[in-house]
Amino acid sequence: MPSFIINRCKMSSAPITHIIEIDVGVDLSNVLFELAQHRGRSISVLNGRGMVEQVTLRQATGRIITHQGRFNIISIFGTIIPSSTLESAGELEVNLSTPAFEVIRGIVISPLVASSPVILTVLSSSITGV
């Protein structure tokens, strides 16, 4: 289970910043989905660092490609909302670097598994009225 460092705020509707450390072998998409479900708030990923492995991405053309190996996170962003399924909860977009320093990018199709500890900065916000 990931570690959470949470900034407390007295106003429950106010946006809250979270720093999340995700352990090796854990699916980032699932952690964010569970956090949105548990908190009943939307989760916006602001940035992240670390490495992931065997990633499946939907590219802008609609083509789906699975990349094997370990990849360094250059950027990761997107919003996850509380939903009945991970597929309908929102999207994460990543830019990754291959070991040969090529950049691959696309929309994550779960799982996105950490191959090193991954640190994410996220913002949770109230979704009342949505």
Protein backbone atom coordinates (compact mmCIF):
# COMPACT_ATOMS: atom_id res chain seq x y z
CA MET A 1 0.00 0.00 0.00
CA PRO A 2 1.34 3.45 -0.87
CA SER A 3 2.41 5.98 1.72
CA PHE A 4 0.44 9.21 1.89
CA ILE A 5 1.64 12.57 3.14
CA ILE A 6 -1.48 14.68 3.44
CA ASN A 7 -1.80 18.38 4.11
CA ARG A 8 -4.80 18.87 6.40
CA CYS A 9 -7.28 21.67 5.76
CA LYS A 10 -10.30 22.70 7.84
CA MET A 11 -12.49 23.32 4.76
CA SER A 12 -13.50 19.93 3.37
CA SER A 13 -14.32 21.42 -0.04
CA ALA A 14 -10.91 23.07 -0.40
CA PRO A 15 -8.33 21.48 -2.73
CA ILE A 16 -5.75 19.41 -0.84
CA THR A 17 -2.24 18.53 -2.00
CA HIS A 18 -1.03 14.98 -1.47
CA ILE A 19 2.41 13.48 -1.98
CA ILE A 20 2.05 9.76 -2.72
CA GLU A 21 4.89 7.23 -2.69
CA ILE A 22 4.04 4.11 -4.66
CA ASP A 23 6.05 0.96 -4.00
CA VAL A 24 7.67 -1.30 -6.60
CA GLY A 25 5.18 -3.67 -8.20
CA VAL A 26 2.12 -1.52 -7.45
CA ASP A 27 -0.23 -0.25 -10.20
CA LEU A 28 -0.29 3.58 -10.19
CA SER A 29 -3.68 3.72 -11.95
CA ASN A 30 -5.29 1.53 -9.31
CA VAL A 31 -3.81 3.54 -6.41
CA LEU A 32 -5.24 6.76 -7.84
CA PHE A 33 -8.61 5.12 -8.50
CA GLU A 34 -8.77 3.78 -4.94
CA LEU A 35 -7.75 7.18 -3.51
CA ALA A 36 -10.55 8.90 -5.48
CA GLN A 37 -13.05 6.27 -4.33
CA HIS A 38 -11.94 6.39 -0.69
CA ARG A 39 -11.89 10.20 -0.44
CA GLY A 40 -14.92 10.80 -2.71
CA ARG A 41 -12.89 13.53 -4.43
CA SER A 42 -11.39 14.01 -7.87
CA ILE A 43 -7.64 13.38 -8.01
CA SER A 44 -5.56 15.47 -10.40
CA VAL A 45 -2.00 14.28 -10.99
CA LEU A 46 0.33 17.29 -11.18
CA ASN A 47 3.67 15.55 -11.65
CA GLY A 48 5.62 12.44 -10.81
CA ARG A 49 9.01 10.78 -10.89
CA GLY A 50 10.26 7.22 -10.87
CA MET A 51 10.20 4.26 -13.22
CA VAL A 52 7.45 2.04 -14.60
CA GLU A 53 7.48 -1.22 -16.54
CA GLN A 54 5.48 -2.86 -19.33
CA VAL A 55 3.17 0.01 -20.20
CA THR A 56 0.22 -0.03 -22.61
CA LEU A 57 -0.59 3.32 -24.18
CA ARG A 58 -3.30 4.63 -26.49
CA GLN A 59 -1.67 7.05 -28.87
CA ALA A 60 -3.27 10.15 -30.42
CA THR A 61 -4.04 8.11 -33.55
CA GLY A 62 -6.10 5.68 -31.44
CA ARG A 63 -3.50 2.94 -31.89
CA ILE A 64 -2.81 0.87 -28.75
CA ILE A 65 0.77 -0.24 -28.16
CA THR A 66 2.33 -2.23 -25.30
CA HIS A 67 5.93 -1.32 -24.55
CA GLN A 68 8.10 -3.90 -22.74
CA GLY A 69 10.90 -2.93 -20.37
CA ARG A 70 11.55 -0.19 -17.82
CA PHE A 71 10.77 3.45 -18.51
CA ASN A 72 11.61 6.68 -16.71
CA ILE A 73 8.65 9.00 -16.09
CA ILE A 74 9.28 12.36 -17.76
CA SER A 75 5.79 13.64 -17.01
CA ILE A 76 2.48 12.23 -15.85
CA PHE A 77 -0.80 14.11 -15.58
CA GLY A 78 -4.54 13.63 -15.68
CA THR A 79 -7.62 13.49 -13.50
CA ILE A 80 -9.35 10.52 -11.87
CA ILE A 81 -12.86 10.87 -10.44
CA PRO A 82 -14.78 8.51 -8.17
CA SER A 83 -16.45 6.03 -10.51
CA SER A 84 -17.78 2.49 -10.57
CA THR A 85 -14.90 1.26 -12.78
CA LEU A 86 -11.31 2.29 -13.43
CA GLU A 87 -12.04 2.55 -17.16
CA SER A 88 -14.70 5.24 -16.62
CA ALA A 89 -12.81 7.16 -13.92
CA GLY A 90 -10.69 9.38 -16.17
CA GLU A 91 -7.36 9.31 -17.94
CA LEU A 92 -3.68 9.55 -17.18
CA GLU A 93 -1.29 10.76 -19.83
CA VAL A 94 2.41 9.96 -19.64
CA ASN A 95 5.63 10.89 -21.36
CA LEU A 96 8.25 8.21 -20.77
CA SER A 97 11.91 7.81 -21.65
CA THR A 98 13.20 4.45 -22.91
CA PRO A 99 16.65 3.12 -21.97
CA ALA A 100 17.79 4.38 -25.42
CA PHE A 101 16.50 7.89 -24.48
CA GLU A 102 13.58 7.78 -26.90
CA VAL A 103 10.36 9.41 -25.74
CA ILE A 104 7.07 7.52 -25.83
CA ARG A 105 3.77 9.09 -24.90
CA GLY A 106 0.09 8.35 -24.69
CA ILE A 107 -2.96 7.71 -22.55
CA VAL A 108 -2.36 4.94 -19.98
CA ILE A 109 -4.33 1.73 -20.29
CA SER A 110 -4.07 0.09 -16.87
CA PRO A 111 -1.96 -1.30 -15.35
CA LEU A 112 0.94 1.13 -15.01
CA VAL A 113 3.26 -0.74 -12.66
CA ALA A 114 6.06 0.92 -10.69
CA SER A 115 9.48 -0.65 -11.25
CA SER A 116 11.09 1.75 -8.74
CA PRO A 117 9.48 3.78 -5.99
CA VAL A 118 7.29 6.39 -7.73
CA ILE A 119 6.50 9.75 -6.15
CA LEU A 120 3.35 11.54 -7.34
CA THR A 121 2.14 15.02 -6.45
CA VAL A 122 -1.64 15.14 -6.70
CA LEU A 123 -4.40 17.57 -5.87
CA SER A 124 -7.71 16.28 -4.55
CA SER A 125 -10.76 18.47 -4.86
CA SER A 126 -14.44 18.32 -4.05
CA ILE A 127 -16.73 17.15 -6.83
CA THR A 128 -20.00 18.31 -5.30
CA GLY A 129 -22.35 19.78 -7.83
CA VAL A 130 -20.85 17.76 -10.68
